[in-house]
PDB file of all heavy atoms in Angstrom:
ATOM      1  N   ALA A   1     -24.746 -15.336  -9.004  1.00  0.00           N
ATOM      2  CA  ALA A   1     -23.419 -15.850  -8.624  1.00  0.00           C
ATOM      3  C   ALA A   1     -22.396 -15.464  -9.656  1.00  0.00           C
ATOM      4  O   ALA A   1     -21.268 -15.092  -9.341  1.00  0.00           O
ATOM      5  CB  ALA A   1     -23.515 -17.350  -8.465  1.00  0.00           C
ATOM      6  N   GLU A   2     -22.776 -15.506 -10.983  1.00  0.00           N
ATOM      7  CA  GLU A   2     -21.891 -15.171 -12.029  1.00  0.00           C
ATOM      8  C   GLU A   2     -21.397 -13.762 -11.933  1.00  0.00           C
ATOM      9  O   GLU A   2     -20.206 -13.458 -12.108  1.00  0.00           O
ATOM     10  CB  GLU A   2     -22.497 -15.468 -13.393  1.00  0.00           C
ATOM     11  CG  GLU A   2     -22.691 -16.970 -13.691  1.00  0.00           C
ATOM     12  CD  GLU A   2     -23.884 -17.572 -12.978  1.00  0.00           C
ATOM     13  OE1 GLU A   2     -24.695 -16.797 -12.424  1.00  0.00           O
ATOM     14  OE2 GLU A   2     -23.944 -18.825 -12.961  1.00  0.00           O
ATOM     15  N   GLU A   3     -22.360 -12.862 -11.634  1.00  0.00           N
ATOM     16  CA  GLU A   3     -22.015 -11.426 -11.523  1.00  0.00           C
ATOM     17  C   GLU A   3     -21.119 -11.153 -10.295  1.00  0.00           C
ATOM     18  O   GLU A   3     -20.138 -10.412 -10.427  1.00  0.00           O
ATOM     19  CB  GLU A   3     -23.301 -10.574 -11.482  1.00  0.00           C
ATOM     20  CG  GLU A   3     -24.128 -10.567 -12.734  1.00  0.00           C
ATOM     21  CD  GLU A   3     -25.523  -9.958 -12.531  1.00  0.00           C
ATOM     22  OE1 GLU A   3     -26.038 -10.072 -11.392  1.00  0.00           O
ATOM     23  OE2 GLU A   3     -26.025  -9.434 -13.527  1.00  0.00           O
ATOM     24  N   VAL A   4     -21.386 -11.749  -9.212  1.00  0.00           N
ATOM     25  CA  VAL A   4     -20.569 -11.522  -7.999  1.00  0.00           C
ATOM     26  C   VAL A   4     -19.186 -12.134  -8.198  1.00  0.00           C
ATOM     27  O   VAL A   4     -18.182 -11.463  -7.865  1.00  0.00           O
ATOM     28  CB  VAL A   4     -21.270 -12.161  -6.781  1.00  0.00           C
ATOM     29  CG1 VAL A   4     -20.285 -12.129  -5.561  1.00  0.00           C
ATOM     30  CG2 VAL A   4     -22.583 -11.432  -6.457  1.00  0.00           C
ATOM     31  N   ASP A   5     -19.112 -13.313  -8.751  1.00  0.00           N
ATOM     32  CA  ASP A   5     -17.764 -13.892  -9.033  1.00  0.00           C
ATOM     33  C   ASP A   5     -16.995 -13.034  -9.973  1.00  0.00           C
ATOM     34  O   ASP A   5     -15.749 -12.823  -9.654  1.00  0.00           O
ATOM     35  CB  ASP A   5     -17.963 -15.288  -9.665  1.00  0.00           C
ATOM     36  CG  ASP A   5     -16.739 -15.966 -10.033  1.00  0.00           C
ATOM     37  OD1 ASP A   5     -15.844 -16.172  -9.152  1.00  0.00           O
ATOM     38  OD2 ASP A   5     -16.572 -16.296 -11.211  1.00  0.00           O
ATOM     39  N   ARG A   6     -17.515 -12.512 -11.004  1.00  0.00           N
ATOM     40  CA  ARG A   6     -16.801 -11.670 -11.941  1.00  0.00           C
ATOM     41  C   ARG A   6     -16.391 -10.377 -11.279  1.00  0.00           C
ATOM     42  O   ARG A   6     -15.292  -9.876 -11.562  1.00  0.00           O
ATOM     43  CB  ARG A   6     -17.612 -11.440 -13.241  1.00  0.00           C
ATOM     44  CG  ARG A   6     -17.963 -12.674 -14.032  1.00  0.00           C
ATOM     45  CD  ARG A   6     -18.403 -12.377 -15.437  1.00  0.00           C
ATOM     46  NE  ARG A   6     -19.569 -11.520 -15.438  1.00  0.00           N
ATOM     47  CZ  ARG A   6     -20.794 -11.847 -15.810  1.00  0.00           C
ATOM     48  NH1 ARG A   6     -21.029 -13.131 -16.080  1.00  0.00           N
ATOM     49  NH2 ARG A   6     -21.761 -10.968 -15.870  1.00  0.00           N
ATOM     50  N   GLN A   7     -17.253  -9.870 -10.408  1.00  0.00           N
ATOM     51  CA  GLN A   7     -16.922  -8.623  -9.708  1.00  0.00           C
ATOM     52  C   GLN A   7     -15.718  -8.823  -8.786  1.00  0.00           C
ATOM     53  O   GLN A   7     -14.793  -8.043  -8.790  1.00  0.00           O
ATOM     54  CB  GLN A   7     -18.102  -8.126  -8.885  1.00  0.00           C
ATOM     55  CG  GLN A   7     -17.839  -6.817  -8.107  1.00  0.00           C
ATOM     56  CD  GLN A   7     -19.050  -6.465  -7.195  1.00  0.00           C
ATOM     57  OE1 GLN A   7     -20.052  -7.253  -7.164  1.00  0.00           O
ATOM     58  NE2 GLN A   7     -18.965  -5.308  -6.655  1.00  0.00           N
ATOM     59  N   ILE A   8     -15.732  -9.938  -8.020  1.00  0.00           N
ATOM     60  CA  ILE A   8     -14.557 -10.216  -7.167  1.00  0.00           C
ATOM     61  C   ILE A   8     -13.287 -10.366  -7.977  1.00  0.00           C
ATOM     62  O   ILE A   8     -12.249  -9.761  -7.617  1.00  0.00           O
ATOM     63  CB  ILE A   8     -14.870 -11.480  -6.383  1.00  0.00           C
ATOM     64  CG1 ILE A   8     -16.046 -11.221  -5.379  1.00  0.00           C
ATOM     65  CG2 ILE A   8     -13.603 -11.946  -5.640  1.00  0.00           C
ATOM     66  CD1 ILE A   8     -16.564 -12.510  -4.700  1.00  0.00           C
ATOM     67  N   ARG A   9     -13.324 -11.199  -8.998  1.00  0.00           N
ATOM     68  CA  ARG A   9     -12.136 -11.413  -9.751  1.00  0.00           C
ATOM     69  C   ARG A   9     -11.672 -10.227 -10.575  1.00  0.00           C
ATOM     70  O   ARG A   9     -10.463  -9.934 -10.680  1.00  0.00           O
ATOM     71  CB  ARG A   9     -12.303 -12.644 -10.724  1.00  0.00           C
ATOM     72  CG  ARG A   9     -12.484 -13.934  -9.963  1.00  0.00           C
ATOM     73  CD  ARG A   9     -12.597 -15.164 -10.897  1.00  0.00           C
ATOM     74  NE  ARG A   9     -13.731 -15.161 -11.694  1.00  0.00           N
ATOM     75  CZ  ARG A   9     -13.786 -14.900 -13.026  1.00  0.00           C
ATOM     76  NH1 ARG A   9     -12.647 -14.650 -13.679  1.00  0.00           N
ATOM     77  NH2 ARG A   9     -14.937 -14.968 -13.719  1.00  0.00           N
ATOM     78  N   GLY A  10     -12.577  -9.487 -11.093  1.00  0.00           N
ATOM     79  CA  GLY A  10     -12.272  -8.252 -11.878  1.00  0.00           C
ATOM     80  C   GLY A  10     -11.673  -7.156 -11.073  1.00  0.00           C
ATOM     81  O   GLY A  10     -10.918  -6.376 -11.588  1.00  0.00           O
ATOM     82  N   LEU A  11     -11.994  -7.086  -9.800  1.00  0.00           N
ATOM     83  CA  LEU A  11     -11.499  -5.967  -8.947  1.00  0.00           C
ATOM     84  C   LEU A  11     -10.368  -6.386  -8.060  1.00  0.00           C
ATOM     85  O   LEU A  11      -9.974  -5.654  -7.131  1.00  0.00           O
ATOM     86  CB  LEU A  11     -12.625  -5.408  -8.074  1.00  0.00           C
ATOM     87  CG  LEU A  11     -13.805  -4.790  -8.851  1.00  0.00           C
ATOM     88  CD1 LEU A  11     -14.897  -4.234  -7.870  1.00  0.00           C
ATOM     89  CD2 LEU A  11     -13.325  -3.738  -9.775  1.00  0.00           C
ATOM     90  N   SER A  12      -9.789  -7.556  -8.354  1.00  0.00           N
ATOM     91  CA  SER A  12      -8.691  -8.096  -7.565  1.00  0.00           C
ATOM     92  C   SER A  12      -7.343  -7.867  -8.266  1.00  0.00           C
ATOM     93  O   SER A  12      -7.254  -8.272  -9.436  1.00  0.00           O
ATOM     94  CB  SER A  12      -8.862  -9.587  -7.262  1.00  0.00           C
ATOM     95  OG  SER A  12      -7.729 -10.141  -6.598  1.00  0.00           O
ATOM     96  N   PRO A  13      -6.381  -7.233  -7.639  1.00  0.00           N
ATOM     97  CA  PRO A  13      -6.274  -6.871  -6.219  1.00  0.00           C
ATOM     98  C   PRO A  13      -6.789  -5.522  -5.912  1.00  0.00           C
ATOM     99  O   PRO A  13      -6.968  -5.115  -4.742  1.00  0.00           O
ATOM    100  CB  PRO A  13      -4.863  -6.991  -5.914  1.00  0.00           C
ATOM    101  CG  PRO A  13      -4.215  -6.516  -7.188  1.00  0.00           C
ATOM    102  CD  PRO A  13      -5.057  -7.074  -8.296  1.00  0.00           C
ATOM    103  N   PHE A  14      -6.987  -4.618  -6.936  1.00  0.00           N
ATOM    104  CA  PHE A  14      -7.276  -3.223  -6.653  1.00  0.00           C
ATOM    105  C   PHE A  14      -8.544  -2.759  -7.509  1.00  0.00           C
ATOM    106  O   PHE A  14      -8.589  -3.124  -8.663  1.00  0.00           O
ATOM    107  CB  PHE A  14      -6.123  -2.274  -6.976  1.00  0.00           C
ATOM    108  CG  PHE A  14      -6.394  -0.847  -6.675  1.00  0.00           C
ATOM    109  CD1 PHE A  14      -6.246  -0.373  -5.412  1.00  0.00           C
ATOM    110  CD2 PHE A  14      -6.829   0.009  -7.666  1.00  0.00           C
ATOM    111  CE1 PHE A  14      -6.517   0.932  -5.067  1.00  0.00           C
ATOM    112  CE2 PHE A  14      -7.114   1.349  -7.360  1.00  0.00           C
ATOM    113  CZ  PHE A  14      -6.940   1.782  -6.083  1.00  0.00           C
ATOM    114  N   PRO A  15      -9.462  -2.144  -6.897  1.00  0.00           N
ATOM    115  CA  PRO A  15      -9.518  -1.706  -5.478  1.00  0.00           C
ATOM    116  C   PRO A  15      -9.937  -2.785  -4.525  1.00  0.00           C
ATOM    117  O   PRO A  15      -9.866  -2.576  -3.310  1.00  0.00           O
ATOM    118  CB  PRO A  15     -10.545  -0.590  -5.545  1.00  0.00           C
ATOM    119  CG  PRO A  15     -11.528  -1.028  -6.581  1.00  0.00           C
ATOM    120  CD  PRO A  15     -10.628  -1.649  -7.639  1.00  0.00           C
ATOM    121  N   GLY A  16     -10.304  -3.913  -4.991  1.00  0.00           N
ATOM    122  CA  GLY A  16     -10.771  -5.013  -4.144  1.00  0.00           C
ATOM    123  C   GLY A  16     -12.218  -4.972  -3.802  1.00  0.00           C
ATOM    124  O   GLY A  16     -12.689  -4.023  -3.151  1.00  0.00           O
ATOM    125  N   ALA A  17     -12.975  -5.958  -4.316  1.00  0.00           N
ATOM    126  CA  ALA A  17     -14.370  -6.024  -3.895  1.00  0.00           C
ATOM    127  C   ALA A  17     -14.438  -6.318  -2.397  1.00  0.00           C
ATOM    128  O   ALA A  17     -13.533  -6.953  -1.810  1.00  0.00           O
ATOM    129  CB  ALA A  17     -15.072  -7.181  -4.680  1.00  0.00           C
ATOM    130  N   TRP A  18     -15.541  -5.870  -1.723  1.00  0.00           N
ATOM    131  CA  TRP A  18     -15.591  -6.035  -0.338  1.00  0.00           C
ATOM    132  C   TRP A  18     -17.034  -6.316   0.146  1.00  0.00           C
ATOM    133  O   TRP A  18     -18.017  -5.986  -0.530  1.00  0.00           O
ATOM    134  CB  TRP A  18     -15.017  -4.855   0.442  1.00  0.00           C
ATOM    135  CG  TRP A  18     -15.731  -3.524   0.167  1.00  0.00           C
ATOM    136  CD1 TRP A  18     -15.566  -2.621  -0.797  1.00  0.00           C
ATOM    137  CD2 TRP A  18     -16.810  -2.994   1.028  1.00  0.00           C
ATOM    138  NE1 TRP A  18     -16.423  -1.569  -0.706  1.00  0.00           N
ATOM    139  CE2 TRP A  18     -17.194  -1.764   0.410  1.00  0.00           C
ATOM    140  CE3 TRP A  18     -17.465  -3.454   2.158  1.00  0.00           C
ATOM    141  CZ2 TRP A  18     -18.204  -0.949   0.907  1.00  0.00           C
ATOM    142  CZ3 TRP A  18     -18.498  -2.625   2.653  1.00  0.00           C
ATOM    143  CH2 TRP A  18     -18.865  -1.404   2.039  1.00  0.00           C
ATOM    144  N   THR A  19     -17.075  -6.889   1.327  1.00  0.00           N
ATOM    145  CA  THR A  19     -18.361  -7.124   2.019  1.00  0.00           C
ATOM    146  C   THR A  19     -18.124  -6.897   3.490  1.00  0.00           C
ATOM    147  O   THR A  19     -16.948  -6.836   3.965  1.00  0.00           O
ATOM    148  CB  THR A  19     -18.932  -8.491   1.785  1.00  0.00           C
ATOM    149  OG1 THR A  19     -20.276  -8.586   2.190  1.00  0.00           O
ATOM    150  CG2 THR A  19     -18.097  -9.558   2.437  1.00  0.00           C
ATOM    151  N   GLU A  20     -19.173  -6.792   4.245  1.00  0.00           N
ATOM    152  CA  GLU A  20     -19.003  -6.679   5.746  1.00  0.00           C
ATOM    153  C   GLU A  20     -19.316  -8.026   6.337  1.00  0.00           C
ATOM    154  O   GLU A  20     -20.337  -8.697   6.032  1.00  0.00           O
ATOM    155  CB  GLU A  20     -19.971  -5.594   6.318  1.00  0.00           C
ATOM    156  CG  GLU A  20     -19.470  -4.210   6.046  1.00  0.00           C
ATOM    157  CD  GLU A  20     -20.217  -3.220   6.863  1.00  0.00           C
ATOM    158  OE1 GLU A  20     -21.162  -3.565   7.675  1.00  0.00           O
ATOM    159  OE2 GLU A  20     -19.865  -2.011   6.775  1.00  0.00           O
ATOM    160  N   ILE A  21     -18.388  -8.461   7.219  1.00  0.00           N
ATOM    161  CA  ILE A  21     -18.553  -9.705   7.979  1.00  0.00           C
ATOM    162  C   ILE A  21     -18.454  -9.397   9.421  1.00  0.00           C
ATOM    163  O   ILE A  21     -17.447  -8.931   9.916  1.00  0.00           O
ATOM    164  CB  ILE A  21     -17.554 -10.780   7.590  1.00  0.00           C
ATOM    165  CG1 ILE A  21     -17.591 -11.087   6.048  1.00  0.00           C
ATOM    166  CG2 ILE A  21     -17.791 -12.087   8.331  1.00  0.00           C
ATOM    167  CD1 ILE A  21     -16.543 -12.023   5.564  1.00  0.00           C
ATOM    168  N   ASP A  22     -19.568  -9.629  10.189  1.00  0.00           N
ATOM    169  CA  ASP A  22     -19.544  -9.288  11.619  1.00  0.00           C
ATOM    170  C   ASP A  22     -19.144  -7.839  11.847  1.00  0.00           C
ATOM    171  O   ASP A  22     -18.340  -7.547  12.778  1.00  0.00           O
ATOM    172  CB  ASP A  22     -18.668 -10.245  12.435  1.00  0.00           C
ATOM    173  CG  ASP A  22     -19.347 -11.585  12.604  1.00  0.00           C
ATOM    174  OD1 ASP A  22     -20.506 -11.731  12.318  1.00  0.00           O
ATOM    175  OD2 ASP A  22     -18.630 -12.495  13.090  1.00  0.00           O
ATOM    176  N   GLY A  23     -19.569  -6.912  11.014  1.00  0.00           N
ATOM    177  CA  GLY A  23     -19.297  -5.519  11.147  1.00  0.00           C
ATOM    178  C   GLY A  23     -17.936  -5.077  10.646  1.00  0.00           C
ATOM    179  O   GLY A  23     -17.589  -3.913  10.759  1.00  0.00           O
ATOM    180  N   GLN A  24     -17.148  -5.985  10.170  1.00  0.00           N
ATOM    181  CA  GLN A  24     -15.843  -5.643   9.628  1.00  0.00           C
ATOM    182  C   GLN A  24     -15.790  -5.688   8.146  1.00  0.00           C
ATOM    183  O   GLN A  24     -16.364  -6.590   7.533  1.00  0.00           O
ATOM    184  CB  GLN A  24     -14.746  -6.608  10.164  1.00  0.00           C
ATOM    185  CG  GLN A  24     -14.490  -6.468  11.686  1.00  0.00           C
ATOM    186  CD  GLN A  24     -13.263  -7.303  12.073  1.00  0.00           C
ATOM    187  OE1 GLN A  24     -12.269  -7.274  11.361  1.00  0.00           O
ATOM    188  NE2 GLN A  24     -13.389  -8.022  13.151  1.00  0.00           N
ATOM    189  N   ARG A  25     -15.136  -4.636   7.521  1.00  0.00           N
ATOM    190  CA  ARG A  25     -15.016  -4.680   6.049  1.00  0.00           C
ATOM    191  C   ARG A  25     -13.958  -5.682   5.661  1.00  0.00           C
ATOM    192  O   ARG A  25     -12.801  -5.623   6.195  1.00  0.00           O
ATOM    193  CB  ARG A  25     -14.667  -3.326   5.501  1.00  0.00           C
ATOM    194  CG  ARG A  25     -14.562  -3.249   3.969  1.00  0.00           C
ATOM    195  CD  ARG A  25     -14.228  -1.946   3.493  1.00  0.00           C
ATOM    196  NE  ARG A  25     -15.292  -0.973   3.620  1.00  0.00           N
ATOM    197  CZ  ARG A  25     -15.377   0.116   2.874  1.00  0.00           C
ATOM    198  NH1 ARG A  25     -14.478   0.455   1.963  1.00  0.00           N
ATOM    199  NH2 ARG A  25     -16.443   0.958   3.052  1.00  0.00           N
ATOM    200  N   VAL A  26     -14.258  -6.613   4.762  1.00  0.00           N
ATOM    201  CA  VAL A  26     -13.309  -7.617   4.338  1.00  0.00           C
ATOM    202  C   VAL A  26     -13.202  -7.577   2.869  1.00  0.00           C
ATOM    203  O   VAL A  26     -14.255  -7.638   2.114  1.00  0.00           O
ATOM    204  CB  VAL A  26     -13.754  -9.053   4.840  1.00  0.00           C
ATOM    205  CG1 VAL A  26     -12.773 -10.087   4.335  1.00  0.00           C
ATOM    206  CG2 VAL A  26     -13.833  -9.062   6.390  1.00  0.00           C
ATOM    207  N   LYS A  27     -11.973  -7.530   2.313  1.00  0.00           N
ATOM    208  CA  LYS A  27     -11.797  -7.572   0.831  1.00  0.00           C
ATOM    209  C   LYS A  27     -11.899  -9.005   0.371  1.00  0.00           C
ATOM    210  O   LYS A  27     -11.364  -9.938   1.072  1.00  0.00           O
ATOM    211  CB  LYS A  27     -10.442  -6.989   0.490  1.00  0.00           C
ATOM    212  CG  LYS A  27     -10.369  -5.506   0.356  1.00  0.00           C
ATOM    213  CD  LYS A  27      -9.098  -5.033  -0.155  1.00  0.00           C
ATOM    214  CE  LYS A  27      -9.016  -3.534  -0.327  1.00  0.00           C
ATOM    215  NZ  LYS A  27      -7.795  -3.046  -0.924  1.00  0.00           N
TER     216      LYS A  27
END
């Protein structure tokens, strides 16, 4: 959780961490 949280915050706003939700890419 610590690694994911830091990845999200560190890449915001650019390039923006992303995941797929119901087949859609979401930042």
